Amino acid sequence: MQEKLGRLQYFIETATAINANVALKLDHPELGEVGANETGVAKIVVRENAVLVSDLAVQLAGGGGLAEGNSLARHHRDALCGRAHGPAEDIVLAGLARQFIDVAQ
């Protein structure tokens, strides 16, 4: 149980740190430009960590975690729905691949 709770906190802190870094750069342009790849990666990490956290929380809660009207079920559904909103993961990954190729040349 402790390991699962620690994993939840790990996913939350990772997402928070990445999101905060992008937000800080957006608020303070002197810290550096925020490119599409950086914001795309942040969105993917935050979204996927939300899915992992909500999924693990549902597992910990048991069958009642997905019961209609349970706020945990709503959070899990909302996290999963994030995958339907842009930017699409494949577009972000293609941009990262182009950046990698440009740096490698």
C-alpha atoms as a PDB file:
ATOM      1  CA  MET A   1       0.000   0.000   0.000  1.00  0.00           C
ATOM      2  CA  GLN A   2       2.783   2.449   0.891  1.00  0.00           C
ATOM      3  CA  GLU A   3       4.551   1.779  -2.403  1.00  0.00           C
ATOM      4  CA  LYS A   4       1.342   2.553  -4.328  1.00  0.00           C
ATOM      5  CA  LEU A   5       0.805   5.774  -2.409  1.00  0.00           C
ATOM      6  CA  GLY A   6       4.422   6.717  -3.056  1.00  0.00           C
ATOM      7  CA  ARG A   7       3.891   6.030  -6.764  1.00  0.00           C
ATOM      8  CA  LEU A   8       0.841   8.319  -6.740  1.00  0.00           C
ATOM      9  CA  GLN A   9       2.896  11.100  -5.190  1.00  0.00           C
ATOM     10  CA  TYR A  10       5.730  10.505  -7.678  1.00  0.00           C
ATOM     11  CA  PHE A  11       3.376  10.953 -10.642  1.00  0.00           C
ATOM     12  CA  ILE A  12       1.802  14.057  -9.100  1.00  0.00           C
ATOM     13  CA  GLU A  13       5.146  15.708  -8.281  1.00  0.00           C
ATOM     14  CA  THR A  14       6.591  14.936 -11.721  1.00  0.00           C
ATOM     15  CA  ALA A  15       3.604  16.467 -13.492  1.00  0.00           C
ATOM     16  CA  THR A  16       3.599  19.472 -11.166  1.00  0.00           C
ATOM     17  CA  ALA A  17       7.306  20.181 -11.721  1.00  0.00           C
ATOM     18  CA  ILE A  18       7.072  19.994 -15.511  1.00  0.00           C
ATOM     19  CA  ASN A  19       3.932  22.107 -15.610  1.00  0.00           C
ATOM     20  CA  ALA A  20       5.429  24.692 -13.228  1.00  0.00           C
ATOM     21  CA  ASN A  21       8.589  24.950 -15.335  1.00  0.00           C
ATOM     22  CA  VAL A  22       6.632  25.756 -18.495  1.00  0.00           C
ATOM     23  CA  ALA A  23       4.367  28.196 -16.625  1.00  0.00           C
ATOM     24  CA  LEU A  24       7.382  29.966 -15.107  1.00  0.00           C
ATOM     25  CA  LYS A  25       8.971  30.429 -18.532  1.00  0.00           C
ATOM     26  CA  LEU A  26       5.703  31.724 -19.962  1.00  0.00           C
ATOM     27  CA  ASP A  27       5.400  34.233 -17.111  1.00  0.00           C
ATOM     28  CA  HIS A  28       9.079  35.257 -17.336  1.00  0.00           C
ATOM     29  CA  PRO A  29      10.244  35.296 -20.976  1.00  0.00           C
ATOM     30  CA  GLU A  30      13.746  36.300 -19.862  1.00  0.00           C
ATOM     31  CA  LEU A  31      14.152  32.701 -18.623  1.00  0.00           C
ATOM     32  CA  GLY A  32      13.981  31.398 -22.157  1.00  0.00           C
ATOM     33  CA  GLU A  33      11.580  30.751 -24.951  1.00  0.00           C
ATOM     34  CA  VAL A  34       8.967  28.049 -24.553  1.00  0.00           C
ATOM     35  CA  GLY A  35       8.697  26.112 -27.780  1.00  0.00           C
ATOM     36  CA  ALA A  36       5.899  23.951 -29.097  1.00  0.00           C
ATOM     37  CA  ASN A  37       7.854  20.811 -28.268  1.00  0.00           C
ATOM     38  CA  GLU A  38       8.269  21.828 -24.638  1.00  0.00           C
ATOM     39  CA  THR A  39       4.608  22.671 -24.157  1.00  0.00           C
ATOM     40  CA  GLY A  40       3.589  19.509 -26.021  1.00  0.00           C
ATOM     41  CA  VAL A  41       5.795  17.321 -23.850  1.00  0.00           C
ATOM     42  CA  ALA A  42       4.445  19.006 -20.722  1.00  0.00           C
ATOM     43  CA  LYS A  43       0.876  18.343 -21.818  1.00  0.00           C
ATOM     44  CA  ILE A  44       1.594  14.689 -22.564  1.00  0.00           C
ATOM     45  CA  VAL A  45       3.400  14.092 -19.266  1.00  0.00           C
ATOM     46  CA  VAL A  46       0.773  15.900 -17.176  1.00  0.00           C
ATOM     47  CA  ARG A  47      -2.107  14.165 -18.974  1.00  0.00           C
ATOM     48  CA  GLU A  48      -0.595  10.681 -18.817  1.00  0.00           C
ATOM     49  CA  ASN A  49       0.366  11.125 -15.172  1.00  0.00           C
ATOM     50  CA  ALA A  50      -3.226  12.166 -14.437  1.00  0.00           C
ATOM     51  CA  VAL A  51      -4.403   8.945 -16.102  1.00  0.00           C
ATOM     52  CA  LEU A  52      -1.893   6.885 -14.098  1.00  0.00           C
ATOM     53  CA  VAL A  53      -2.826   8.576 -10.817  1.00  0.00           C
ATOM     54  CA  SER A  54      -6.558   8.228 -11.344  1.00  0.00           C
ATOM     55  CA  ASP A  55      -6.200   4.621 -12.503  1.00  0.00           C
ATOM     56  CA  LEU A  56      -4.108   3.678  -9.475  1.00  0.00           C
ATOM     57  CA  ALA A  57      -6.515   5.519  -7.166  1.00  0.00           C
ATOM     58  CA  VAL A  58      -9.426   3.542  -8.640  1.00  0.00           C
ATOM     59  CA  GLN A  59      -7.484   0.314  -8.071  1.00  0.00           C
ATOM     60  CA  LEU A  60      -6.839   1.285  -4.466  1.00  0.00           C
ATOM     61  CA  ALA A  61     -10.489   2.204  -3.925  1.00  0.00           C
ATOM     62  CA  GLY A  62     -11.766  -1.060  -5.353  1.00  0.00           C
ATOM     63  CA  GLY A  63     -15.015  -1.553  -7.230  1.00  0.00           C
ATOM     64  CA  GLY A  64     -16.681   1.445  -5.632  1.00  0.00           C
ATOM     65  CA  GLY A  65     -14.104   3.705  -7.230  1.00  0.00           C
ATOM     66  CA  LEU A  66     -15.939   3.524 -10.545  1.00  0.00           C
ATOM     67  CA  ALA A  67     -19.469   3.777  -9.140  1.00  0.00           C
ATOM     68  CA  GLU A  68     -21.671   6.398 -10.744  1.00  0.00           C
ATOM     69  CA  GLY A  69     -21.644   9.573  -8.715  1.00  0.00           C
ATOM     70  CA  ASN A  70     -18.247   8.821  -7.148  1.00  0.00           C
ATOM     71  CA  SER A  71     -15.937  11.802  -7.631  1.00  0.00           C
ATOM     72  CA  LEU A  72     -13.024   9.424  -8.247  1.00  0.00           C
ATOM     73  CA  ALA A  73     -14.875   7.954 -11.244  1.00  0.00           C
ATOM     74  CA  ARG A  74     -15.368  11.487 -12.606  1.00  0.00           C
ATOM     75  CA  HIS A  75     -11.687  12.348 -12.157  1.00  0.00           C
ATOM     76  CA  HIS A  76     -10.669   9.135 -13.910  1.00  0.00           C
ATOM     77  CA  ARG A  77     -13.035   9.811 -16.813  1.00  0.00           C
ATOM     78  CA  ASP A  78     -11.806  13.407 -17.092  1.00  0.00           C
ATOM     79  CA  ALA A  79      -8.173  12.268 -17.140  1.00  0.00           C
ATOM     80  CA  LEU A  80      -8.908   9.766 -19.905  1.00  0.00           C
ATOM     81  CA  CYS A  81     -10.785  12.403 -21.920  1.00  0.00           C
ATOM     82  CA  GLY A  82      -7.643  14.539 -21.946  1.00  0.00           C
ATOM     83  CA  ARG A  83      -6.270  12.222 -24.604  1.00  0.00           C
ATOM     84  CA  ALA A  84      -8.895  13.492 -27.035  1.00  0.00           C
ATOM     85  CA  HIS A  85      -7.710  17.101 -26.848  1.00  0.00           C
ATOM     86  CA  GLY A  86      -4.786  18.536 -28.800  1.00  0.00           C
ATOM     87  CA  PRO A  87      -2.017  18.590 -29.379  1.00  0.00           C
ATOM     88  CA  ALA A  88      -2.147  14.996 -30.492  1.00  0.00           C
ATOM     89  CA  GLU A  89       0.667  12.900 -29.065  1.00  0.00           C
ATOM     90  CA  ASP A  90       1.848  11.769 -32.507  1.00  0.00           C
ATOM     91  CA  ILE A  91       2.291  15.399 -33.616  1.00  0.00           C
ATOM     92  CA  VAL A  92       4.362  16.219 -30.518  1.00  0.00           C
ATOM     93  CA  LEU A  93       6.488  13.100 -30.986  1.00  0.00           C
ATOM     94  CA  ALA A  94       7.064  13.941 -34.666  1.00  0.00           C
ATOM     95  CA  GLY A  95       8.240  17.407 -33.619  1.00  0.00           C
ATOM     96  CA  LEU A  96      10.610  15.887 -31.078  1.00  0.00           C
ATOM     97  CA  ALA A  97      11.959  13.531 -33.730  1.00  0.00           C
ATOM     98  CA  ARG A  98      12.623  16.465 -36.084  1.00  0.00           C
ATOM     99  CA  GLN A  99      14.385  18.324 -33.277  1.00  0.00           C
ATOM    100  CA  PHE A 100      16.496  15.247 -32.501  1.00  0.00           C
ATOM    101  CA  ILE A 101      17.450  14.804 -36.167  1.00  0.00           C
ATOM    102  CA  ASP A 102      18.351  18.507 -36.491  1.00  0.00           C
ATOM    103  CA  VAL A 103      20.603  18.343 -33.436  1.00  0.00           C
ATOM    104  CA  ALA A 104      22.221  15.098 -34.638  1.00  0.00           C
ATOM    105  CA  GLN A 105      23.176  16.548 -38.019  1.00  0.00           C
END
